[in-house]
Each structure stands twice: as structure tokens, then as C-alpha cells.
């Protein structure tokens, strides 16, 4: 469920209790295109960052999902650690393609290895290329 967040703007909140390890919602899903495209869900877009996240982003093969990092109570905000989660999300080929073709970032993202891509994205987040 989406509602105003005390962290920032809007957030995603648990609509019921969840047990540790339970899949809660899909963050990236296939578009049905032959090129392997994936789309971010609204819940993904609205998930706020926390260094003490309530969910982890799990690569489930055909999708990336938010999975409970611990037991979660109904009404609790669902948060992810963006830095840790990026290691999963950026393994999806379409995300890499989008980053390489995004104006302003295209000259920075030049290497598709997981470690290098992740570091380059963290450098962008930290303002290294401003």
C-alpha cells in the first residue's frame, strides 16, 4: 500500500504481517518483449532507502522482488538498501542498456562487469562526476 512516508515523499507500507524470507512484491518484471526488457513497478519506484532495510531485493530469475529481511508488521514501511540492492537490479541486461544510453550517464557507464557497473553507479550517486 502506498502512502506518505516520514522518510521521503511516498513510501510502500506492509498491507499485512510478513515472515522473514517471504516475497512481498515484484520490483522488476518482464515486459513481454523479445529483447529481454524489464519494467520497474510502481512499488519499486516508491520504495525508500534505509541502511537498516525491511526488505532485500532478490533475483528470482524472471523477476526481481522485495523479500522480507525480517518479520514485518502490518503498516510498517518497506525499505531497501539501494546500494546492496543495486547489485541485483543491475544484473538485468536491460538496466545496463538503459544506463549506457541515458544522456549524462552514457559516457560514465562503459563496463558491464557487475563490480565495475555497481561502483560506477555508486560514484554517480555520490556526485563524483558532477
C-alpha atoms as a PDB file:
ATOM      1  CA  UNK A   1       0.000   0.000   0.000  1.00  0.00           C
ATOM      2  CA  UNK A   2       1.342   3.451  -0.921  1.00  0.00           C
ATOM      3  CA  UNK A   3       1.058   6.425   1.414  1.00  0.00           C
ATOM      4  CA  UNK A   4       3.064   9.461   2.576  1.00  0.00           C
ATOM      5  CA  UNK A   5       6.367   8.437   4.139  1.00  0.00           C
ATOM      6  CA  UNK A   6       8.185  10.029   7.068  1.00  0.00           C
ATOM      7  CA  UNK A   7      11.425   9.149   5.226  1.00  0.00           C
ATOM      8  CA  UNK A   8      10.766  10.960   1.933  1.00  0.00           C
ATOM      9  CA  UNK A   9       7.703  11.677  -0.201  1.00  0.00           C
ATOM     10  CA  UNK A  10       5.713   8.498  -0.670  1.00  0.00           C
ATOM     11  CA  UNK A  11       6.558   5.011   0.536  1.00  0.00           C
ATOM     12  CA  UNK A  12       5.394   1.410   0.391  1.00  0.00           C
ATOM     13  CA  UNK A  13       3.812   0.013   3.549  1.00  0.00           C
ATOM     14  CA  UNK A  14       3.006  -3.575   4.516  1.00  0.00           C
ATOM     15  CA  UNK A  15      -0.638  -4.434   3.926  1.00  0.00           C
ATOM     16  CA  UNK A  16      -0.349  -7.369   6.372  1.00  0.00           C
ATOM     17  CA  UNK A  17       2.245  -9.142   8.514  1.00  0.00           C
ATOM     18  CA  UNK A  18       5.064 -10.874   6.578  1.00  0.00           C
ATOM     19  CA  UNK A  19       7.516 -13.508   7.744  1.00  0.00           C
ATOM     20  CA  UNK A  20      11.261 -13.299   7.121  1.00  0.00           C
ATOM     21  CA  UNK A  21      12.085 -14.569   3.614  1.00  0.00           C
ATOM     22  CA  UNK A  22       8.562 -14.083   2.257  1.00  0.00           C
ATOM     23  CA  UNK A  23       8.215 -12.450  -1.167  1.00  0.00           C
ATOM     24  CA  UNK A  24       6.213  -9.243  -0.738  1.00  0.00           C
ATOM     25  CA  UNK A  25       6.113  -7.536  -4.144  1.00  0.00           C
ATOM     26  CA  UNK A  26       7.754  -7.554  -7.559  1.00  0.00           C
ATOM     27  CA  UNK A  27      10.216  -4.733  -8.255  1.00  0.00           C
ATOM     28  CA  UNK A  28      11.254  -5.564 -11.841  1.00  0.00           C
ATOM     29  CA  UNK A  29       9.053  -7.615 -14.154  1.00  0.00           C
ATOM     30  CA  UNK A  30       9.401  -8.755 -17.764  1.00  0.00           C
ATOM     31  CA  UNK A  31       7.739  -6.527 -20.351  1.00  0.00           C
ATOM     32  CA  UNK A  32       6.989  -9.421 -22.655  1.00  0.00           C
ATOM     33  CA  UNK A  33       9.354  -8.028 -25.289  1.00  0.00           C
ATOM     34  CA  UNK A  34      11.710 -10.363 -27.109  1.00  0.00           C
ATOM     35  CA  UNK A  35      14.714  -8.205 -26.169  1.00  0.00           C
ATOM     36  CA  UNK A  36      14.549  -9.200 -22.509  1.00  0.00           C
ATOM     37  CA  UNK A  37      13.181  -5.842 -21.321  1.00  0.00           C
ATOM     38  CA  UNK A  38      12.157  -5.401 -17.718  1.00  0.00           C
ATOM     39  CA  UNK A  39       9.963  -2.685 -16.232  1.00  0.00           C
ATOM     40  CA  UNK A  40      10.124  -1.148 -12.780  1.00  0.00           C
ATOM     41  CA  UNK A  41       6.875  -1.491 -10.862  1.00  0.00           C
ATOM     42  CA  UNK A  42       5.226   1.389  -9.013  1.00  0.00           C
ATOM     43  CA  UNK A  43       6.159  -0.304  -5.731  1.00  0.00           C
ATOM     44  CA  UNK A  44       9.811  -0.366  -6.834  1.00  0.00           C
ATOM     45  CA  UNK A  45       9.708   3.323  -7.681  1.00  0.00           C
ATOM     46  CA  UNK A  46       8.221   4.192  -4.287  1.00  0.00           C
ATOM     47  CA  UNK A  47      10.461   2.013  -2.095  1.00  0.00           C
ATOM     48  CA  UNK A  48      12.565   4.324   0.058  1.00  0.00           C
ATOM     49  CA  UNK A  49      16.195   3.717   1.049  1.00  0.00           C
ATOM     50  CA  UNK A  50      17.311   2.685   4.506  1.00  0.00           C
ATOM     51  CA  UNK A  51      20.648   1.459   5.809  1.00  0.00           C
ATOM     52  CA  UNK A  52      18.523  -0.814   8.030  1.00  0.00           C
ATOM     53  CA  UNK A  53      16.118  -2.140   5.372  1.00  0.00           C
ATOM     54  CA  UNK A  54      12.991  -4.181   5.965  1.00  0.00           C
ATOM     55  CA  UNK A  55      13.313  -5.905   2.569  1.00  0.00           C
ATOM     56  CA  UNK A  56      16.126  -7.264   0.426  1.00  0.00           C
ATOM     57  CA  UNK A  57      15.976  -7.271  -3.359  1.00  0.00           C
ATOM     58  CA  UNK A  58      16.141 -10.848  -4.601  1.00  0.00           C
ATOM     59  CA  UNK A  59      16.886 -12.076  -8.130  1.00  0.00           C
ATOM     60  CA  UNK A  60      14.203 -14.707  -8.718  1.00  0.00           C
ATOM     61  CA  UNK A  61      15.240 -15.382 -12.320  1.00  0.00           C
ATOM     62  CA  UNK A  62      12.261 -13.978 -14.209  1.00  0.00           C
ATOM     63  CA  UNK A  63      11.830 -11.010 -11.851  1.00  0.00           C
ATOM     64  CA  UNK A  64      13.450  -9.066  -9.024  1.00  0.00           C
ATOM     65  CA  UNK A  65      11.310  -8.962  -5.897  1.00  0.00           C
ATOM     66  CA  UNK A  66      11.247  -7.398  -2.460  1.00  0.00           C
ATOM     67  CA  UNK A  67      11.647 -10.171   0.118  1.00  0.00           C
ATOM     68  CA  UNK A  68      11.206  -9.629   3.866  1.00  0.00           C
ATOM     69  CA  UNK A  69      14.631  -9.218   5.512  1.00  0.00           C
ATOM     70  CA  UNK A  70      12.995  -9.944   8.867  1.00  0.00           C
ATOM     71  CA  UNK A  71       9.485 -10.319  10.250  1.00  0.00           C
ATOM     72  CA  UNK A  72       7.459  -7.253   9.240  1.00  0.00           C
ATOM     73  CA  UNK A  73       4.296  -5.950  10.896  1.00  0.00           C
ATOM     74  CA  UNK A  74       1.267  -4.642   9.045  1.00  0.00           C
ATOM     75  CA  UNK A  75       1.607  -0.884   8.441  1.00  0.00           C
ATOM     76  CA  UNK A  76       5.421  -0.855   8.671  1.00  0.00           C
ATOM     77  CA  UNK A  77       7.257   0.983   5.875  1.00  0.00           C
ATOM     78  CA  UNK A  78       9.044  -1.326   3.445  1.00  0.00           C
ATOM     79  CA  UNK A  79      12.532  -0.030   2.721  1.00  0.00           C
ATOM     80  CA  UNK A  80      15.526  -1.341   0.785  1.00  0.00           C
ATOM     81  CA  UNK A  81      19.247  -0.641   0.931  1.00  0.00           C
ATOM     82  CA  UNK A  82      19.767   0.901  -2.524  1.00  0.00           C
ATOM     83  CA  UNK A  83      23.483   0.143  -2.575  1.00  0.00           C
ATOM     84  CA  UNK A  84      23.063  -3.521  -1.696  1.00  0.00           C
ATOM     85  CA  UNK A  85      20.012  -3.922  -3.940  1.00  0.00           C
ATOM     86  CA  UNK A  86      21.714  -2.381  -6.942  1.00  0.00           C
ATOM     87  CA  UNK A  87      23.944  -5.433  -7.207  1.00  0.00           C
ATOM     88  CA  UNK A  88      20.824  -7.482  -8.038  1.00  0.00           C
ATOM     89  CA  UNK A  89      18.974  -4.965 -10.189  1.00  0.00           C
ATOM     90  CA  UNK A  90      21.933  -4.025 -12.383  1.00  0.00           C
ATOM     91  CA  UNK A  91      22.467  -7.665 -13.387  1.00  0.00           C
ATOM     92  CA  UNK A  92      19.361  -7.390 -15.566  1.00  0.00           C
ATOM     93  CA  UNK A  93      20.635  -6.724 -19.135  1.00  0.00           C
ATOM     94  CA  UNK A  94      18.042  -4.057 -19.977  1.00  0.00           C
ATOM     95  CA  UNK A  95      19.039  -1.958 -16.954  1.00  0.00           C
ATOM     96  CA  UNK A  96      22.632  -1.921 -18.190  1.00  0.00           C
ATOM     97  CA  UNK A  97      21.475  -0.942 -21.686  1.00  0.00           C
ATOM     98  CA  UNK A  98      19.342   1.909 -20.303  1.00  0.00           C
ATOM     99  CA  UNK A  99      22.232   3.213 -18.183  1.00  0.00           C
ATOM    100  CA  UNK A 100      24.634   3.183 -21.153  1.00  0.00           C
ATOM    101  CA  UNK A 101      22.098   5.054 -23.307  1.00  0.00           C
ATOM    102  CA  UNK A 102      20.995   7.653 -20.741  1.00  0.00           C
ATOM    103  CA  UNK A 103      22.214  11.128 -21.625  1.00  0.00           C
ATOM    104  CA  UNK A 104      24.544  12.430 -18.957  1.00  0.00           C
ATOM    105  CA  UNK A 105      25.478   8.928 -17.821  1.00  0.00           C
ATOM    106  CA  UNK A 106      26.339   7.310 -21.170  1.00  0.00           C
ATOM    107  CA  UNK A 107      29.999   8.388 -21.011  1.00  0.00           C
ATOM    108  CA  UNK A 108      30.402   7.004 -17.480  1.00  0.00           C
ATOM    109  CA  UNK A 109      28.857   3.542 -17.777  1.00  0.00           C
ATOM    110  CA  UNK A 110      31.328   1.784 -20.056  1.00  0.00           C
ATOM    111  CA  UNK A 111      31.919  -1.611 -18.462  1.00  0.00           C
ATOM    112  CA  UNK A 112      29.290  -4.315 -17.935  1.00  0.00           C
ATOM    113  CA  UNK A 113      31.075  -6.307 -15.247  1.00  0.00           C
ATOM    114  CA  UNK A 114      28.965  -6.464 -12.072  1.00  0.00           C
ATOM    115  CA  UNK A 115      31.668  -4.947  -9.864  1.00  0.00           C
ATOM    116  CA  UNK A 116      32.579  -2.088 -12.197  1.00  0.00           C
ATOM    117  CA  UNK A 117      28.982  -1.200 -13.084  1.00  0.00           C
ATOM    118  CA  UNK A 118      27.987  -1.200  -9.422  1.00  0.00           C
ATOM    119  CA  UNK A 119      30.950   1.035  -8.484  1.00  0.00           C
ATOM    120  CA  UNK A 120      30.258   3.444 -11.342  1.00  0.00           C
ATOM    121  CA  UNK A 121      26.631   3.782 -10.249  1.00  0.00           C
ATOM    122  CA  UNK A 122      27.659   4.385  -6.644  1.00  0.00           C
ATOM    123  CA  UNK A 123      30.078   7.087  -7.886  1.00  0.00           C
ATOM    124  CA  UNK A 124      27.206   8.747  -9.774  1.00  0.00           C
ATOM    125  CA  UNK A 125      25.067   8.588  -6.627  1.00  0.00           C
ATOM    126  CA  UNK A 126      27.869  10.179  -4.616  1.00  0.00           C
ATOM    127  CA  UNK A 127      28.332  13.032  -7.100  1.00  0.00           C
ATOM    128  CA  UNK A 128      31.803  12.039  -8.286  1.00  0.00           C
ATOM    129  CA  UNK A 129      31.053  13.022 -11.895  1.00  0.00           C
ATOM    130  CA  UNK A 130      29.465  16.459 -11.270  1.00  0.00           C
END
